[in-house]
Amino acid sequence: MGFIQEFKDFAMKGNVMDMAVGVIIGGAFGKIVSSLVDDILMPLIGIFTGGVDFSSLAATVGNAKVTYGMFVQNVIDFLIIAFCIFVMVKAMNKIIKKREETPAPAAPSAEEKLLTEIRDLLKQK
């Protein structure tokens, strides 16, 4: 089997296509969560922290300027985003679990089957 054919077989497998769709949807979902954090949660958190902006924190070591504030800000953003995703995944798992727990309708009993047959025979006459 040639290299090109092998690559085509790999690329056309369902798992690769599912992964591609997941990456695309994940990117779009990432924008939604980032907007939630940047536009809604961070301003609210700013109210409670007195509007502290960690991104401007920096230290000078010799001639180098170490902007550790951006790192702190990114860690805080990550924790908020991770928490939001956790809550959403937890909600989805709860919905899926509830759907799985819904009992399937019970099969008719022998008595019900017999009564159904009698009813059908009476309808035919």
PDB file of N, CA and C in Angstrom:
ATOM      1  N   MET A   1       0.853  -1.170   0.000  1.00  0.00           N
ATOM      2  CA  MET A   1       0.000   0.000   0.000  1.00  0.00           C
ATOM      3  C   MET A   1       0.899   1.231   0.000  1.00  0.00           C
ATOM      4  N   GLY A   2       0.609   2.163  -0.882  1.00  0.00           N
ATOM      5  CA  GLY A   2       1.429   3.362  -0.990  1.00  0.00           C
ATOM      6  C   GLY A   2       1.174   4.347   0.144  1.00  0.00           C
ATOM      7  N   PHE A   3       2.090   5.244   0.297  1.00  0.00           N
ATOM      8  CA  PHE A   3       2.025   6.239   1.358  1.00  0.00           C
ATOM      9  C   PHE A   3       0.769   7.099   1.225  1.00  0.00           C
ATOM     10  N   ILE A   4       0.475   7.536   0.010  1.00  0.00           N
ATOM     11  CA  ILE A   4      -0.689   8.398  -0.232  1.00  0.00           C
ATOM     12  C   ILE A   4      -1.985   7.656   0.124  1.00  0.00           C
ATOM     13  N   GLN A   5      -2.103   6.404  -0.318  1.00  0.00           N
ATOM     14  CA  GLN A   5      -3.310   5.624  -0.018  1.00  0.00           C
ATOM     15  C   GLN A   5      -3.448   5.405   1.481  1.00  0.00           C
ATOM     16  N   GLU A   6      -2.327   5.146   2.145  1.00  0.00           N
ATOM     17  CA  GLU A   6      -2.342   4.941   3.588  1.00  0.00           C
ATOM     18  C   GLU A   6      -2.823   6.200   4.304  1.00  0.00           C
ATOM     19  N   PHE A   7      -2.351   7.363   3.830  1.00  0.00           N
ATOM     20  CA  PHE A   7      -2.780   8.633   4.426  1.00  0.00           C
ATOM     21  C   PHE A   7      -4.272   8.864   4.190  1.00  0.00           C
ATOM     22  N   LYS A   8      -4.756   8.564   2.977  1.00  0.00           N
ATOM     23  CA  LYS A   8      -6.189   8.724   2.682  1.00  0.00           C
ATOM     24  C   LYS A   8      -7.020   7.841   3.606  1.00  0.00           C
ATOM     25  N   ASP A   9      -6.599   6.605   3.797  1.00  0.00           N
ATOM     26  CA  ASP A   9      -7.324   5.698   4.684  1.00  0.00           C
ATOM     27  C   ASP A   9      -7.372   6.241   6.105  1.00  0.00           C
ATOM     28  N   PHE A  10      -6.242   6.786   6.558  1.00  0.00           N
ATOM     29  CA  PHE A  10      -6.166   7.362   7.902  1.00  0.00           C
ATOM     30  C   PHE A  10      -7.069   8.587   8.021  1.00  0.00           C
ATOM     31  N   ALA A  11      -6.995   9.478   7.046  1.00  0.00           N
ATOM     32  CA  ALA A  11      -7.742  10.732   7.114  1.00  0.00           C
ATOM     33  C   ALA A  11      -9.241  10.516   6.993  1.00  0.00           C
ATOM     34  N   MET A  12      -9.660   9.475   6.338  1.00  0.00           N
ATOM     35  CA  MET A  12     -11.086   9.254   6.122  1.00  0.00           C
ATOM     36  C   MET A  12     -11.737   8.375   7.183  1.00  0.00           C
ATOM     37  N   LYS A  13     -10.961   7.919   8.160  1.00  0.00           N
ATOM     38  CA  LYS A  13     -11.540   7.140   9.251  1.00  0.00           C
ATOM     39  C   LYS A  13     -12.469   8.036  10.050  1.00  0.00           C
ATOM     40  N   GLY A  14     -13.476   7.437  10.631  1.00  0.00           N
ATOM     41  CA  GLY A  14     -14.460   8.191  11.403  1.00  0.00           C
ATOM     42  C   GLY A  14     -13.852   8.930  12.578  1.00  0.00           C
ATOM     43  N   ASN A  15     -12.865   8.329  13.238  1.00  0.00           N
ATOM     44  CA  ASN A  15     -12.271   8.963  14.406  1.00  0.00           C
ATOM     45  C   ASN A  15     -11.604  10.283  14.056  1.00  0.00           C
ATOM     46  N   VAL A  16     -10.927  10.336  12.927  1.00  0.00           N
ATOM     47  CA  VAL A  16     -10.240  11.558  12.534  1.00  0.00           C
ATOM     48  C   VAL A  16     -11.265  12.639  12.209  1.00  0.00           C
ATOM     49  N   MET A  17     -12.323  12.263  11.508  1.00  0.00           N
ATOM     50  CA  MET A  17     -13.360  13.240  11.168  1.00  0.00           C
ATOM     51  C   MET A  17     -14.060  13.736  12.432  1.00  0.00           C
ATOM     52  N   ASP A  18     -14.345  12.839  13.359  1.00  0.00           N
ATOM     53  CA  ASP A  18     -14.963  13.238  14.622  1.00  0.00           C
ATOM     54  C   ASP A  18     -14.053  14.190  15.388  1.00  0.00           C
ATOM     55  N   MET A  19     -12.765  13.889  15.383  1.00  0.00           N
ATOM     56  CA  MET A  19     -11.809  14.743  16.070  1.00  0.00           C
ATOM     57  C   MET A  19     -11.762  16.129  15.428  1.00  0.00           C
ATOM     58  N   ALA A  20     -11.806  16.183  14.090  1.00  0.00           N
ATOM     59  CA  ALA A  20     -11.782  17.467  13.398  1.00  0.00           C
ATOM     60  C   ALA A  20     -13.011  18.292  13.767  1.00  0.00           C
ATOM     61  N   VAL A  21     -14.159  17.659  13.783  1.00  0.00           N
ATOM     62  CA  VAL A  21     -15.378  18.368  14.172  1.00  0.00           C
ATOM     63  C   VAL A  21     -15.260  18.849  15.616  1.00  0.00           C
ATOM     64  N   GLY A  22     -14.714  18.003  16.487  1.00  0.00           N
ATOM     65  CA  GLY A  22     -14.530  18.386  17.886  1.00  0.00           C
ATOM     66  C   GLY A  22     -13.603  19.579  18.048  1.00  0.00           C
ATOM     67  N   VAL A  23     -12.532  19.619  17.265  1.00  0.00           N
ATOM     68  CA  VAL A  23     -11.588  20.743  17.345  1.00  0.00           C
ATOM     69  C   VAL A  23     -12.271  22.028  16.892  1.00  0.00           C
ATOM     70  N   ILE A  24     -13.034  21.954  15.810  1.00  0.00           N
ATOM     71  CA  ILE A  24     -13.710  23.145  15.299  1.00  0.00           C
ATOM     72  C   ILE A  24     -14.751  23.648  16.302  1.00  0.00           C
ATOM     73  N   ILE A  25     -15.568  22.735  16.814  1.00  0.00           N
ATOM     74  CA  ILE A  25     -16.577  23.140  17.799  1.00  0.00           C
ATOM     75  C   ILE A  25     -15.897  23.614  19.082  1.00  0.00           C
ATOM     76  N   GLY A  26     -14.796  22.958  19.458  1.00  0.00           N
ATOM     77  CA  GLY A  26     -14.050  23.383  20.644  1.00  0.00           C
ATOM     78  C   GLY A  26     -13.515  24.795  20.506  1.00  0.00           C
ATOM     79  N   GLY A  27     -13.042  25.147  19.306  1.00  0.00           N
ATOM     80  CA  GLY A  27     -12.559  26.511  19.071  1.00  0.00           C
ATOM     81  C   GLY A  27     -13.674  27.526  19.224  1.00  0.00           C
ATOM     82  N   ALA A  28     -14.831  27.214  18.663  1.00  0.00           N
ATOM     83  CA  ALA A  28     -15.976  28.121  18.783  1.00  0.00           C
ATOM     84  C   ALA A  28     -16.435  28.205  20.236  1.00  0.00           C
ATOM     85  N   PHE A  29     -16.467  27.072  20.926  1.00  0.00           N
ATOM     86  CA  PHE A  29     -16.867  27.055  22.330  1.00  0.00           C
ATOM     87  C   PHE A  29     -15.862  27.841  23.173  1.00  0.00           C
ATOM     88  N   GLY A  30     -14.573  27.737  22.806  1.00  0.00           N
ATOM     89  CA  GLY A  30     -13.536  28.489  23.518  1.00  0.00           C
ATOM     90  C   GLY A  30     -13.773  29.990  23.431  1.00  0.00           C
ATOM     91  N   LYS A  31     -14.236  30.462  22.281  1.00  0.00           N
ATOM     92  CA  LYS A  31     -14.533  31.889  22.125  1.00  0.00           C
ATOM     93  C   LYS A  31     -15.698  32.296  23.025  1.00  0.00           C
ATOM     94  N   ILE A  32     -16.693  31.422  23.111  1.00  0.00           N
ATOM     95  CA  ILE A  32     -17.841  31.717  23.969  1.00  0.00           C
ATOM     96  C   ILE A  32     -17.408  31.804  25.432  1.00  0.00           C
ATOM     97  N   VAL A  33     -16.622  30.838  25.868  1.00  0.00           N
ATOM     98  CA  VAL A  33     -16.171  30.825  27.261  1.00  0.00           C
ATOM     99  C   VAL A  33     -15.245  31.998  27.534  1.00  0.00           C
ATOM    100  N   SER A  34     -14.358  32.330  26.590  1.00  0.00           N
ATOM    101  CA  SER A  34     -13.475  33.486  26.772  1.00  0.00           C
ATOM    102  C   SER A  34     -14.284  34.770  26.895  1.00  0.00           C
ATOM    103  N   SER A  35     -15.324  34.899  26.079  1.00  0.00           N
ATOM    104  CA  SER A  35     -16.186  36.074  26.164  1.00  0.00           C
ATOM    105  C   SER A  35     -16.902  36.115  27.507  1.00  0.00           C
ATOM    106  N   LEU A  36     -17.368  34.964  27.969  1.00  0.00           N
ATOM    107  CA  LEU A  36     -18.012  34.893  29.274  1.00  0.00           C
ATOM    108  C   LEU A  36     -17.060  35.376  30.364  1.00  0.00           C
ATOM    109  N   VAL A  37     -15.820  34.915  30.307  1.00  0.00           N
ATOM    110  CA  VAL A  37     -14.834  35.302  31.321  1.00  0.00           C
ATOM    111  C   VAL A  37     -14.469  36.774  31.191  1.00  0.00           C
ATOM    112  N   ASP A  38     -14.103  37.215  29.972  1.00  0.00           N
ATOM    113  CA  ASP A  38     -13.609  38.582  29.780  1.00  0.00           C
ATOM    114  C   ASP A  38     -14.699  39.637  29.931  1.00  0.00           C
ATOM    115  N   ASP A  39     -15.894  39.344  29.411  1.00  0.00           N
ATOM    116  CA  ASP A  39     -16.926  40.369  29.340  1.00  0.00           C
ATOM    117  C   ASP A  39     -17.931  40.343  30.483  1.00  0.00           C
ATOM    118  N   ILE A  40     -18.058  39.203  31.154  1.00  0.00           N
ATOM    119  CA  ILE A  40     -19.064  39.111  32.210  1.00  0.00           C
ATOM    120  C   ILE A  40     -18.436  38.851  33.580  1.00  0.00           C
ATOM    121  N   LEU A  41     -17.627  37.793  33.679  1.00  0.00           N
ATOM    122  CA  LEU A  41     -17.120  37.411  34.999  1.00  0.00           C
ATOM    123  C   LEU A  41     -16.016  38.333  35.520  1.00  0.00           C
ATOM    124  N   MET A  42     -15.053  38.677  34.677  1.00  0.00           N
ATOM    125  CA  MET A  42     -13.934  39.499  35.153  1.00  0.00           C
ATOM    126  C   MET A  42     -14.391  40.885  35.633  1.00  0.00           C
ATOM    127  N   PRO A  43     -15.328  41.555  34.934  1.00  0.00           N
ATOM    128  CA  PRO A  43     -15.803  42.830  35.498  1.00  0.00           C
ATOM    129  C   PRO A  43     -16.479  42.652  36.859  1.00  0.00           C
ATOM    130  N   LEU A  44     -17.234  41.552  37.022  1.00  0.00           N
ATOM    131  CA  LEU A  44     -17.860  41.304  38.321  1.00  0.00           C
ATOM    132  C   LEU A  44     -16.818  41.011  39.392  1.00  0.00           C
ATOM    133  N   ILE A  45     -15.792  40.236  39.022  1.00  0.00           N
ATOM    134  CA  ILE A  45     -14.715  39.949  39.969  1.00  0.00           C
ATOM    135  C   ILE A  45     -13.951  41.228  40.289  1.00  0.00           C
ATOM    136  N   GLY A  46     -13.807  42.093  39.288  1.00  0.00           N
ATOM    137  CA  GLY A  46     -13.139  43.380  39.508  1.00  0.00           C
ATOM    138  C   GLY A  46     -13.836  44.228  40.550  1.00  0.00           C
ATOM    139  N   ILE A  47     -15.160  44.109  40.635  1.00  0.00           N
ATOM    140  CA  ILE A  47     -15.908  44.853  41.651  1.00  0.00           C
ATOM    141  C   ILE A  47     -15.491  44.394  43.048  1.00  0.00           C
ATOM    142  N   PHE A  48     -15.351  43.063  43.213  1.00  0.00           N
ATOM    143  CA  PHE A  48     -15.012  42.516  44.525  1.00  0.00           C
ATOM    144  C   PHE A  48     -13.536  42.705  44.881  1.00  0.00           C
ATOM    145  N   THR A  49     -12.662  42.775  43.873  1.00  0.00           N
ATOM    146  CA  THR A  49     -11.223  42.936  44.147  1.00  0.00           C
ATOM    147  C   THR A  49     -10.786  44.388  44.082  1.00  0.00           C
ATOM    148  N   GLY A  50     -11.731  45.294  43.890  1.00  0.00           N
ATOM    149  CA  GLY A  50     -11.372  46.713  43.836  1.00  0.00           C
ATOM    150  C   GLY A  50     -10.741  47.094  42.514  1.00  0.00           C
ATOM    151  N   GLY A  51     -10.995  46.343  41.464  1.00  0.00           N
ATOM    152  CA  GLY A  51     -10.483  46.681  40.139  1.00  0.00           C
ATOM    153  C   GLY A  51      -8.998  46.407  39.961  1.00  0.00           C
ATOM    154  N   VAL A  52      -8.454  45.487  40.743  1.00  0.00           N
ATOM    155  CA  VAL A  52      -7.040  45.159  40.635  1.00  0.00           C
ATOM    156  C   VAL A  52      -6.769  44.501  39.289  1.00  0.00           C
ATOM    157  N   ASP A  53      -5.768  45.012  38.581  1.00  0.00           N
ATOM    158  CA  ASP A  53      -5.374  44.438  37.297  1.00  0.00           C
ATOM    159  C   ASP A  53      -3.988  43.844  37.474  1.00  0.00           C
ATOM    160  N   PHE A  54      -3.926  42.521  37.490  1.00  0.00           N
ATOM    161  CA  PHE A  54      -2.660  41.836  37.720  1.00  0.00           C
ATOM    162  C   PHE A  54      -1.716  41.954  36.527  1.00  0.00           C
ATOM    163  N   SER A  55      -2.256  42.220  35.348  1.00  0.00           N
ATOM    164  CA  SER A  55      -1.435  42.183  34.139  1.00  0.00           C
ATOM    165  C   SER A  55      -0.352  43.253  34.128  1.00  0.00           C
ATOM    166  N   SER A  56      -0.497  44.299  34.921  1.00  0.00           N
ATOM    167  CA  SER A  56       0.522  45.356  34.917  1.00  0.00           C
ATOM    168  C   SER A  56       1.643  45.103  35.932  1.00  0.00           C
ATOM    169  N   LEU A  57       1.534  44.060  36.723  1.00  0.00           N
ATOM    170  CA  LEU A  57       2.582  43.775  37.711  1.00  0.00           C
ATOM    171  C   LEU A  57       3.857  43.306  37.013  1.00  0.00           C
ATOM    172  N   ALA A  58       4.977  43.841  37.437  1.00  0.00           N
ATOM    173  CA  ALA A  58       6.258  43.479  36.835  1.00  0.00           C
ATOM    174  C   ALA A  58       7.377  43.710  37.854  1.00  0.00           C
ATOM    175  N   ALA A  59       8.479  43.039  37.628  1.00  0.00           N
ATOM    176  CA  ALA A  59       9.662  43.211  38.466  1.00  0.00           C
ATOM    177  C   ALA A  59      10.868  43.332  37.544  1.00  0.00           C
ATOM    178  N   THR A  60      11.844  44.099  37.971  1.00  0.00           N
ATOM    179  CA  THR A  60      13.060  44.256  37.176  1.00  0.00           C
ATOM    180  C   THR A  60      14.182  43.497  37.865  1.00  0.00           C
ATOM    181  N   VAL A  61      14.776  42.592  37.106  1.00  0.00           N
ATOM    182  CA  VAL A  61      15.898  41.812  37.602  1.00  0.00           C
ATOM    183  C   VAL A  61      17.070  42.134  36.683  1.00  0.00           C
ATOM    184  N   GLY A  62      18.008  42.920  37.197  1.00  0.00           N
ATOM    185  CA  GLY A  62      19.112  43.362  36.336  1.00  0.00           C
ATOM    186  C   GLY A  62      18.560  44.252  35.236  1.00  0.00           C
ATOM    187  N   ASN A  63      18.821  43.911  34.005  1.00  0.00           N
ATOM    188  CA  ASN A  63      18.290  44.666  32.866  1.00  0.00           C
ATOM    189  C   ASN A  63      17.003  44.063  32.314  1.00  0.00           C
ATOM    190  N   ALA A  64      16.581  42.938  32.866  1.00  0.00           N
ATOM    191  CA  ALA A  64      15.401  42.254  32.347  1.00  0.00           C
ATOM    192  C   ALA A  64      14.152  42.654  33.139  1.00  0.00           C
ATOM    193  N   LYS A  65      13.083  42.896  32.398  1.00  0.00           N
ATOM    194  CA  LYS A  65      11.797  43.193  33.030  1.00  0.00           C
ATOM    195  C   LYS A  65      10.944  41.929  32.991  1.00  0.00           C
ATOM    196  N   VAL A  66      10.611  41.409  34.164  1.00  0.00           N
ATOM    197  CA  VAL A  66       9.815  40.192  34.286  1.00  0.00           C
ATOM    198  C   VAL A  66       8.364  40.613  34.555  1.00  0.00           C
ATOM    199  N   THR A  67       7.514  40.370  33.571  1.00  0.00           N
ATOM    200  CA  THR A  67       6.101  40.753  33.706  1.00  0.00           C
ATOM    201  C   THR A  67       5.311  39.558  34.223  1.00  0.00           C
ATOM    202  N   TYR A  68       5.447  39.296  35.483  1.00  0.00           N
ATOM    203  CA  TYR A  68       4.788  38.145  36.094  1.00  0.00           C
ATOM    204  C   TYR A  68       3.287  38.373  36.256  1.00  0.00           C
ATOM    205  N   GLY A  69       2.851  39.602  36.159  1.00  0.00           N
ATOM    206  CA  GLY A  69       1.433  39.919  36.301  1.00  0.00           C
ATOM    207  C   GLY A  69       0.585  39.264  35.221  1.00  0.00           C
ATOM    208  N   MET A  70       1.086  39.239  33.986  1.00  0.00           N
ATOM    209  CA  MET A  70       0.335  38.583  32.902  1.00  0.00           C
ATOM    210  C   MET A  70       0.188  37.097  33.192  1.00  0.00           C
ATOM    211  N   PHE A  71       1.234  36.495  33.761  1.00  0.00           N
ATOM    212  CA  PHE A  71       1.158  35.075  34.120  1.00  0.00           C
ATOM    213  C   PHE A  71       0.078  34.861  35.176  1.00  0.00           C
ATOM    214  N   VAL A  72       0.062  35.711  36.200  1.00  0.00           N
ATOM    215  CA  VAL A  72      -0.949  35.595  37.255  1.00  0.00           C
ATOM    216  C   VAL A  72      -2.346  35.776  36.657  1.00  0.00           C
ATOM    217  N   GLN A  73      -2.505  36.773  35.781  1.00  0.00           N
ATOM    218  CA  GLN A  73      -3.796  37.025  35.139  1.00  0.00           C
ATOM    219  C   GLN A  73      -4.235  35.825  34.294  1.00  0.00           C
ATOM    220  N   ASN A  74      -3.298  35.234  33.548  1.00  0.00           N
ATOM    221  CA  ASN A  74      -3.625  34.069  32.725  1.00  0.00           C
ATOM    222  C   ASN A  74      -3.990  32.854  33.575  1.00  0.00           C
ATOM    223  N   VAL A  75      -3.340  32.690  34.722  1.00  0.00           N
ATOM    224  CA  VAL A  75      -3.677  31.591  35.629  1.00  0.00           C
ATOM    225  C   VAL A  75      -5.089  31.784  36.173  1.00  0.00           C
ATOM    226  N   ILE A  76      -5.416  33.006  36.560  1.00  0.00           N
ATOM    227  CA  ILE A  76      -6.766  33.294  37.056  1.00  0.00           C
ATOM    228  C   ILE A  76      -7.796  33.044  35.954  1.00  0.00           C
ATOM    229  N   ASP A  77      -7.520  33.519  34.737  1.00  0.00           N
ATOM    230  CA  ASP A  77      -8.419  33.286  33.601  1.00  0.00           C
ATOM    231  C   ASP A  77      -8.604  31.795  33.358  1.00  0.00           C
ATOM    232  N   PHE A  78      -7.508  31.036  33.402  1.00  0.00           N
ATOM    233  CA  PHE A  78      -7.585  29.590  33.198  1.00  0.00           C
ATOM    234  C   PHE A  78      -8.467  28.931  34.244  1.00  0.00           C
ATOM    235  N   LEU A  79      -8.287  29.307  35.509  1.00  0.00           N
ATOM    236  CA  LEU A  79      -9.077  28.703  36.579  1.00  0.00           C
ATOM    237  C   LEU A  79     -10.566  29.002  36.399  1.00  0.00           C
ATOM    238  N   ILE A  80     -10.882  30.219  35.986  1.00  0.00           N
ATOM    239  CA  ILE A  80     -12.286  30.574  35.768  1.00  0.00           C
ATOM    240  C   ILE A  80     -12.845  29.791  34.585  1.00  0.00           C
ATOM    241  N   ILE A  81     -12.089  29.731  33.489  1.00  0.00           N
ATOM    242  CA  ILE A  81     -12.533  28.998  32.301  1.00  0.00           C
ATOM    243  C   ILE A  81     -12.695  27.516  32.629  1.00  0.00           C
ATOM    244  N   ALA A  82     -11.728  26.937  33.343  1.00  0.00           N
ATOM    245  CA  ALA A  82     -11.801  25.527  33.703  1.00  0.00           C
ATOM    246  C   ALA A  82     -13.022  25.261  34.580  1.00  0.00           C
ATOM    247  N   PHE A  83     -13.322  26.176  35.499  1.00  0.00           N
ATOM    248  CA  PHE A  83     -14.488  26.014  36.357  1.00  0.00           C
ATOM    249  C   PHE A  83     -15.777  26.077  35.545  1.00  0.00           C
ATOM    250  N   CYS A  84     -15.851  27.035  34.598  1.00  0.00           N
ATOM    251  CA  CYS A  84     -17.047  27.150  33.747  1.00  0.00           C
ATOM    252  C   CYS A  84     -17.249  25.886  32.918  1.00  0.00           C
ATOM    253  N   ILE A  85     -16.180  25.371  32.347  1.00  0.00           N
ATOM    254  CA  ILE A  85     -16.292  24.145  31.543  1.00  0.00           C
ATOM    255  C   ILE A  85     -16.697  22.974  32.435  1.00  0.00           C
ATOM    256  N   PHE A  86     -16.139  22.909  33.630  1.00  0.00           N
ATOM    257  CA  PHE A  86     -16.501  21.843  34.569  1.00  0.00           C
ATOM    258  C   PHE A  86     -17.989  21.880  34.881  1.00  0.00           C
ATOM    259  N   VAL A  87     -18.524  23.078  35.139  1.00  0.00           N
ATOM    260  CA  VAL A  87     -19.947  23.206  35.460  1.00  0.00           C
ATOM    261  C   VAL A  87     -20.794  22.781  34.264  1.00  0.00           C
ATOM    262  N   MET A  88     -20.389  23.187  33.051  1.00  0.00           N
ATOM    263  CA  MET A  88     -21.157  22.824  31.860  1.00  0.00           C
ATOM    264  C   MET A  88     -21.109  21.320  31.601  1.00  0.00           C
ATOM    265  N   VAL A  89     -19.937  20.708  31.744  1.00  0.00           N
ATOM    266  CA  VAL A  89     -19.813  19.263  31.538  1.00  0.00           C
ATOM    267  C   VAL A  89     -20.610  18.513  32.598  1.00  0.00           C
ATOM    268  N   LYS A  90     -20.572  19.001  33.828  1.00  0.00           N
ATOM    269  CA  LYS A  90     -21.336  18.366  34.904  1.00  0.00           C
ATOM    270  C   LYS A  90     -22.830  18.427  34.592  1.00  0.00           C
ATOM    271  N   ALA A  91     -23.300  19.562  34.079  1.00  0.00           N
ATOM    272  CA  ALA A  91     -24.716  19.692  33.724  1.00  0.00           C
ATOM    273  C   ALA A  91     -25.076  18.747  32.585  1.00  0.00           C
ATOM    274  N   MET A  92     -24.216  18.650  31.575  1.00  0.00           N
ATOM    275  CA  MET A  92     -24.474  17.744  30.450  1.00  0.00           C
ATOM    276  C   MET A  92     -24.499  16.292  30.916  1.00  0.00           C
ATOM    277  N   ASN A  93     -23.574  15.910  31.790  1.00  0.00           N
ATOM    278  CA  ASN A  93     -23.555  14.544  32.317  1.00  0.00           C
ATOM    279  C   ASN A  93     -24.824  14.240  33.106  1.00  0.00           C
ATOM    280  N   LYS A  94     -25.327  15.232  33.836  1.00  0.00           N
ATOM    281  CA  LYS A  94     -26.553  15.038  34.604  1.00  0.00           C
ATOM    282  C   LYS A  94     -27.734  14.814  33.659  1.00  0.00           C
ATOM    283  N   ILE A  95     -27.783  15.583  32.572  1.00  0.00           N
ATOM    284  CA  ILE A  95     -28.860  15.418  31.586  1.00  0.00           C
ATOM    285  C   ILE A  95     -28.783  14.042  30.936  1.00  0.00           C
ATOM    286  N   ILE A  96     -27.563  13.633  30.557  1.00  0.00           N
ATOM    287  CA  ILE A  96     -27.378  12.326  29.915  1.00  0.00           C
ATOM    288  C   ILE A  96     -27.747  11.206  30.884  1.00  0.00           C
ATOM    289  N   LYS A  97     -27.345  11.332  32.141  1.00  0.00           N
ATOM    290  CA  LYS A  97     -27.652  10.303  33.136  1.00  0.00           C
ATOM    291  C   LYS A  97     -29.157  10.200  33.346  1.00  0.00           C
ATOM    292  N   LYS A  98     -29.831  11.345  33.410  1.00  0.00           N
ATOM    293  CA  LYS A  98     -31.281  11.339  33.591  1.00  0.00           C
ATOM    294  C   LYS A  98     -31.965  10.678  32.403  1.00  0.00           C
ATOM    295  N   ARG A  99     -31.461  10.942  31.202  1.00  0.00           N
ATOM    296  CA  ARG A  99     -32.032  10.340  29.999  1.00  0.00           C
ATOM    297  C   ARG A  99     -31.841   8.829  30.012  1.00  0.00           C
ATOM    298  N   GLU A 100     -30.671   8.356  30.481  1.00  0.00           N
ATOM    299  CA  GLU A 100     -30.399   6.919  30.536  1.00  0.00           C
ATOM    300  C   GLU A 100     -31.228   6.223  31.609  1.00  0.00           C
ATOM    301  N   GLU A 101     -31.566   6.953  32.674  1.00  0.00           N
ATOM    302  CA  GLU A 101     -32.314   6.351  33.768  1.00  0.00           C
ATOM    303  C   GLU A 101     -33.799   6.214  33.451  1.00  0.00           C
ATOM    304  N   THR A 102     -34.273   6.924  32.423  1.00  0.00           N
ATOM    305  CA  THR A 102     -35.680   6.833  32.068  1.00  0.00           C
ATOM    306  C   THR A 102     -35.987   5.408  31.648  1.00  0.00           C
ATOM    307  N   PRO A 103     -36.891   4.742  32.376  1.00  0.00           N
ATOM    308  CA  PRO A 103     -37.149   3.333  32.067  1.00  0.00           C
ATOM    309  C   PRO A 103     -37.869   3.176  30.727  1.00  0.00           C
ATOM    310  N   ALA A 104     -37.502   2.131  30.033  1.00  0.00           N
ATOM    311  CA  ALA A 104     -38.165   1.804  28.776  1.00  0.00           C
ATOM    312  C   ALA A 104     -39.530   1.215  29.103  1.00  0.00           C
ATOM    313  N   PRO A 105     -40.488   1.428  28.229  1.00  0.00           N
ATOM    314  CA  PRO A 105     -41.810   0.844  28.511  1.00  0.00           C
ATOM    315  C   PRO A 105     -41.711  -0.675  28.623  1.00  0.00           C
ATOM    316  N   ALA A 106     -42.424  -1.202  29.590  1.00  0.00           N
ATOM    317  CA  ALA A 106     -42.376  -2.643  29.839  1.00  0.00           C
ATOM    318  C   ALA A 106     -43.064  -3.392  28.703  1.00  0.00           C
ATOM    319  N   ALA A 107     -42.540  -4.543  28.400  1.00  0.00           N
ATOM    320  CA  ALA A 107     -43.152  -5.396  27.374  1.00  0.00           C
ATOM    321  C   ALA A 107     -44.488  -5.891  27.901  1.00  0.00           C
ATOM    322  N   PRO A 108     -45.454  -6.063  27.013  1.00  0.00           N
ATOM    323  CA  PRO A 108     -46.764  -6.518  27.482  1.00  0.00           C
ATOM    324  C   PRO A 108     -46.668  -7.919  28.109  1.00  0.00           C
ATOM    325  N   SER A 109     -47.466  -8.108  29.137  1.00  0.00           N
ATOM    326  CA  SER A 109     -47.466  -9.410  29.812  1.00  0.00           C
ATOM    327  C   SER A 109     -48.186 -10.428  28.935  1.00  0.00           C
ATOM    328  N   ALA A 110     -48.092 -11.691  29.338  1.00  0.00           N
ATOM    329  CA  ALA A 110     -48.747 -12.773  28.591  1.00  0.00           C
ATOM    330  C   ALA A 110     -50.258 -12.549  28.572  1.00  0.00           C
ATOM    331  N   GLU A 111     -50.784 -12.069  29.669  1.00  0.00           N
ATOM    332  CA  GLU A 111     -52.219 -11.804  29.752  1.00  0.00           C
ATOM    333  C   GLU A 111     -52.633 -10.697  28.784  1.00  0.00           C
ATOM    334  N   GLU A 112     -51.822  -9.626  28.720  1.00  0.00           N
ATOM    335  CA  GLU A 112     -52.119  -8.525  27.801  1.00  0.00           C
ATOM    336  C   GLU A 112     -52.038  -8.986  26.348  1.00  0.00           C
ATOM    337  N   LYS A 113     -51.063  -9.831  26.051  1.00  0.00           N
ATOM    338  CA  LYS A 113     -50.933 -10.352  24.686  1.00  0.00           C
ATOM    339  C   LYS A 113     -52.168 -11.174  24.304  1.00  0.00           C
ATOM    340  N   LEU A 114     -52.625 -12.011  25.237  1.00  0.00           N
ATOM    341  CA  LEU A 114     -53.792 -12.843  24.985  1.00  0.00           C
ATOM    342  C   LEU A 114     -55.039 -11.987  24.780  1.00  0.00           C
ATOM    343  N   LEU A 115     -55.199 -10.975  25.612  1.00  0.00           N
ATOM    344  CA  LEU A 115     -56.342 -10.080  25.467  1.00  0.00           C
ATOM    345  C   LEU A 115     -56.293  -9.316  24.145  1.00  0.00           C
ATOM    346  N   THR A 116     -55.112  -8.945  23.725  1.00  0.00           N
ATOM    347  CA  THR A 116     -54.953  -8.259  22.445  1.00  0.00           C
ATOM    348  C   THR A 116     -55.344  -9.180  21.301  1.00  0.00           C
ATOM    349  N   GLU A 117     -54.922 -10.428  21.376  1.00  0.00           N
ATOM    350  CA  GLU A 117     -55.293 -11.395  20.327  1.00  0.00           C
ATOM    351  C   GLU A 117     -56.808 -11.598  20.281  1.00  0.00           C
ATOM    352  N   ILE A 118     -57.437 -11.695  21.463  1.00  0.00           N
ATOM    353  CA  ILE A 118     -58.891 -11.872  21.516  1.00  0.00           C
ATOM    354  C   ILE A 118     -59.584 -10.654  20.910  1.00  0.00           C
ATOM    355  N   ARG A 119     -59.102  -9.470  21.260  1.00  0.00           N
ATOM    356  CA  ARG A 119     -59.678  -8.245  20.710  1.00  0.00           C
ATOM    357  C   ARG A 119     -59.572  -8.220  19.189  1.00  0.00           C
ATOM    358  N   ASP A 120     -58.394  -8.575  18.682  1.00  0.00           N
ATOM    359  CA  ASP A 120     -58.189  -8.577  17.224  1.00  0.00           C
ATOM    360  C   ASP A 120     -59.090  -9.583  16.528  1.00  0.00           C
ATOM    361  N   LEU A 121     -59.273 -10.766  17.144  1.00  0.00           N
ATOM    362  CA  LEU A 121     -60.172 -11.788  16.568  1.00  0.00           C
ATOM    363  C   LEU A 121     -61.623 -11.304  16.561  1.00  0.00           C
ATOM    364  N   LEU A 122     -62.010 -10.626  17.640  1.00  0.00           N
ATOM    365  CA  LEU A 122     -63.386 -10.110  17.692  1.00  0.00           C
ATOM    366  C   LEU A 122     -63.608  -9.017  16.645  1.00  0.00           C
ATOM    367  N   LYS A 123     -62.587  -8.215  16.389  1.00  0.00           N
ATOM    368  CA  LYS A 123     -62.704  -7.163  15.364  1.00  0.00           C
ATOM    369  C   LYS A 123     -62.852  -7.769  13.983  1.00  0.00           C
ATOM    370  N   GLN A 124     -62.212  -8.903  13.757  1.00  0.00           N
ATOM    371  CA  GLN A 124     -62.269  -9.538  12.437  1.00  0.00           C
ATOM    372  C   GLN A 124     -63.651 -10.120  12.140  1.00  0.00           C
ATOM    373  N   LYS A 125     -64.412 -10.470  13.145  1.00  0.00           N
ATOM    374  CA  LYS A 125     -65.735 -11.111  12.947  1.00  0.00           C
ATOM    375  C   LYS A 125     -66.809 -10.109  12.741  1.00  0.00           C
TER     376      LYS A 125
END
